[in-house]
Amino acid sequence: MEVVWALAFWIYLIFALTWWLLIPIAAGFVISVVATIVRSHPRAAWHRPGLWGRLGAGSVLAFLATVGYGMTAMASFAQKDPGECTVDDDLRGNHPIMDWPLSDTSCGGYESVPTFVNPAICLFAVVFLASMVAMITTLRRARARLK
């Protein structure tokens, strides 16, 4: 069991330190999607399963980069002492409206995750699911046309 915890720690450490590397890779996927749409006829581009697959891969990488940024931006990320809190007193009453994927209210109820992180996580997850559905649909339609 100690090996599993050690492996989980190293994965978390590598992810927390290198999340920013995923941003240019995700941007590359999105740029390739836009280039495919511009190069080919726009109506024909939407019928390519590879286009949707690249959009899905780009959204997954953007999702992971956003989660990594949100994890490193939390107040409890580098907190050594549970009582250590460096938040202004006027911000301590800022309670989250709903439960988000990343939430850190350990600092007196103050949400320390930046406001754009959780909506971006949800947006990238929805884009990934929609692109996977579109990829499967266009792949099935392409196979049906070949028969």
Protein backbone atom coordinates (compact mmCIF):
# COMPACT_ATOMS: atom_id res chain seq x y z
CA MET A 1 0.00 0.00 0.00
CA GLU A 2 2.93 2.34 0.64
CA VAL A 3 4.04 1.90 -2.94
CA VAL A 4 0.62 3.03 -4.18
CA TRP A 5 0.70 6.13 -1.98
CA ALA A 6 4.25 6.91 -3.08
CA LEU A 7 3.27 6.55 -6.73
CA ALA A 8 0.18 8.74 -6.21
CA PHE A 9 2.36 11.38 -4.54
CA TRP A 10 4.82 11.43 -7.43
CA ILE A 11 2.03 11.63 -10.02
CA TYR A 12 0.44 14.50 -8.10
CA LEU A 13 3.79 16.26 -7.77
CA ILE A 14 4.63 15.93 -11.46
CA PHE A 15 1.12 17.04 -12.45
CA ALA A 16 1.20 20.02 -10.08
CA LEU A 17 4.57 21.17 -11.40
CA THR A 18 4.01 20.59 -15.13
CA TRP A 19 0.34 21.47 -15.73
CA TRP A 20 1.39 24.56 -17.69
CA LEU A 21 3.00 22.35 -20.36
CA LEU A 22 -0.45 21.11 -21.35
CA ILE A 23 -1.61 24.59 -22.41
CA PRO A 24 0.46 24.88 -25.63
CA ILE A 25 -0.33 21.27 -26.54
CA ALA A 26 -4.07 21.90 -26.13
CA ALA A 27 -3.72 25.11 -28.14
CA GLY A 28 -1.99 23.11 -30.88
CA PHE A 29 -4.94 20.72 -31.08
CA VAL A 30 -7.41 23.61 -31.29
CA ILE A 31 -5.29 25.35 -33.95
CA SER A 32 -5.23 22.13 -35.99
CA VAL A 33 -9.03 21.96 -35.78
CA VAL A 34 -9.35 25.55 -36.99
CA ALA A 35 -6.79 24.95 -39.76
CA THR A 36 -8.72 21.89 -40.94
CA ILE A 37 -11.94 23.87 -41.10
CA VAL A 38 -10.28 26.75 -42.97
CA ARG A 39 -8.35 24.53 -45.41
CA SER A 40 -11.22 22.32 -46.43
CA HIS A 41 -14.74 23.28 -47.29
CA PRO A 42 -16.43 24.25 -44.01
CA ARG A 43 -19.41 21.96 -44.61
CA ALA A 44 -17.17 18.98 -45.37
CA ALA A 45 -14.92 19.58 -42.36
CA TRP A 46 -17.71 18.86 -39.87
CA HIS A 47 -18.15 15.37 -41.32
CA ARG A 48 -14.63 14.26 -40.43
CA PRO A 49 -14.33 12.13 -37.28
CA GLY A 50 -10.68 13.13 -36.87
CA LEU A 51 -11.70 16.75 -36.46
CA TRP A 52 -13.92 15.85 -33.53
CA GLY A 53 -11.25 13.58 -32.07
CA ARG A 54 -8.68 16.40 -32.10
CA LEU A 55 -11.20 18.77 -30.55
CA GLY A 56 -11.86 16.19 -27.83
CA ALA A 57 -8.15 15.69 -27.19
CA GLY A 58 -7.60 19.44 -26.98
CA SER A 59 -10.46 19.84 -24.53
CA VAL A 60 -9.12 17.02 -22.33
CA LEU A 61 -5.68 18.65 -22.23
CA ALA A 62 -7.22 22.06 -21.48
CA PHE A 63 -9.33 20.38 -18.76
CA LEU A 64 -6.21 18.87 -17.18
CA ALA A 65 -4.31 22.17 -17.40
CA THR A 66 -7.19 24.01 -15.74
CA VAL A 67 -7.41 21.42 -12.97
CA GLY A 68 -3.65 21.68 -12.46
CA TYR A 69 -3.82 25.46 -12.28
CA GLY A 70 -6.74 25.30 -9.87
CA MET A 71 -4.93 22.82 -7.63
CA THR A 72 -1.82 25.00 -7.46
CA ALA A 73 -3.85 28.17 -6.89
CA MET A 74 -5.66 26.79 -3.84
CA ALA A 75 -4.70 28.36 -0.54
CA SER A 76 -4.16 24.90 0.96
CA PHE A 77 -1.77 23.80 -1.82
CA ALA A 78 1.42 24.94 -0.07
CA GLN A 79 -0.02 25.30 3.42
CA LYS A 80 2.18 23.74 6.05
CA ASP A 81 0.10 24.46 9.09
CA PRO A 82 -3.69 23.96 9.09
CA GLY A 83 -4.11 27.16 11.10
CA GLU A 84 -2.09 29.20 8.62
CA CYS A 85 -4.43 31.44 6.65
CA THR A 86 -3.44 34.56 4.75
CA VAL A 87 -6.83 35.87 3.63
CA ASP A 88 -8.18 39.34 4.32
CA ASP A 89 -10.97 39.50 6.88
CA ASP A 90 -13.39 41.09 4.39
CA LEU A 91 -13.07 38.09 2.03
CA ARG A 92 -13.71 35.42 4.65
CA GLY A 93 -17.49 35.66 4.26
CA ASN A 94 -17.33 34.71 0.58
CA HIS A 95 -19.05 31.32 0.67
CA PRO A 96 -19.43 29.30 -2.54
CA ILE A 97 -22.92 29.16 -4.02
CA MET A 98 -22.67 25.52 -5.09
CA ASP A 99 -20.27 22.58 -4.85
CA TRP A 100 -17.76 22.80 -7.66
CA PRO A 101 -15.21 20.17 -8.78
CA LEU A 102 -12.38 22.14 -7.14
CA SER A 103 -13.30 23.82 -3.91
CA ASP A 104 -11.14 24.90 -1.02
CA THR A 105 -12.92 26.58 1.86
CA SER A 106 -10.40 25.61 4.51
CA CYS A 107 -9.50 29.25 5.04
CA GLY A 108 -12.47 30.33 7.09
CA GLY A 109 -15.09 29.65 4.43
CA TYR A 110 -13.29 31.70 1.79
CA GLU A 111 -13.18 30.06 -1.65
CA SER A 112 -9.52 30.22 -2.61
CA VAL A 113 -9.82 28.69 -6.09
CA PRO A 114 -9.93 31.43 -8.78
CA THR A 115 -13.44 32.10 -10.07
CA PHE A 116 -12.82 31.09 -13.68
CA VAL A 117 -11.38 27.64 -12.87
CA ASN A 118 -14.54 25.68 -12.02
CA PRO A 119 -16.71 26.98 -14.91
CA ALA A 120 -13.79 26.31 -17.28
CA ILE A 121 -13.50 22.75 -15.96
CA CYS A 122 -17.21 22.19 -16.59
CA LEU A 123 -17.01 23.82 -20.04
CA PHE A 124 -14.07 21.64 -21.15
CA ALA A 125 -15.84 18.52 -19.87
CA VAL A 126 -18.98 19.41 -21.88
CA VAL A 127 -16.90 20.15 -25.00
CA PHE A 128 -15.15 16.79 -24.61
CA LEU A 129 -18.44 14.89 -24.25
CA ALA A 130 -20.02 16.72 -27.19
CA SER A 131 -16.99 16.11 -29.41
CA MET A 132 -16.94 12.41 -28.54
CA VAL A 133 -20.63 12.10 -29.41
CA ALA A 134 -20.03 13.96 -32.68
CA MET A 135 -16.99 11.80 -33.48
CA ILE A 136 -18.91 8.57 -32.93
CA THR A 137 -21.87 9.87 -34.94
CA THR A 138 -19.75 10.97 -37.92
CA LEU A 139 -17.77 7.73 -37.80
CA ARG A 140 -20.96 5.66 -37.92
CA ARG A 141 -22.38 7.76 -40.75
CA ALA A 142 -19.16 7.39 -42.73
CA ARG A 143 -19.20 3.61 -42.28
CA ALA A 144 -22.88 3.46 -43.26
CA ARG A 145 -22.13 5.35 -46.48
CA LEU A 146 -19.41 2.87 -47.39
CA LYS A 147 -21.74 -0.13 -47.14
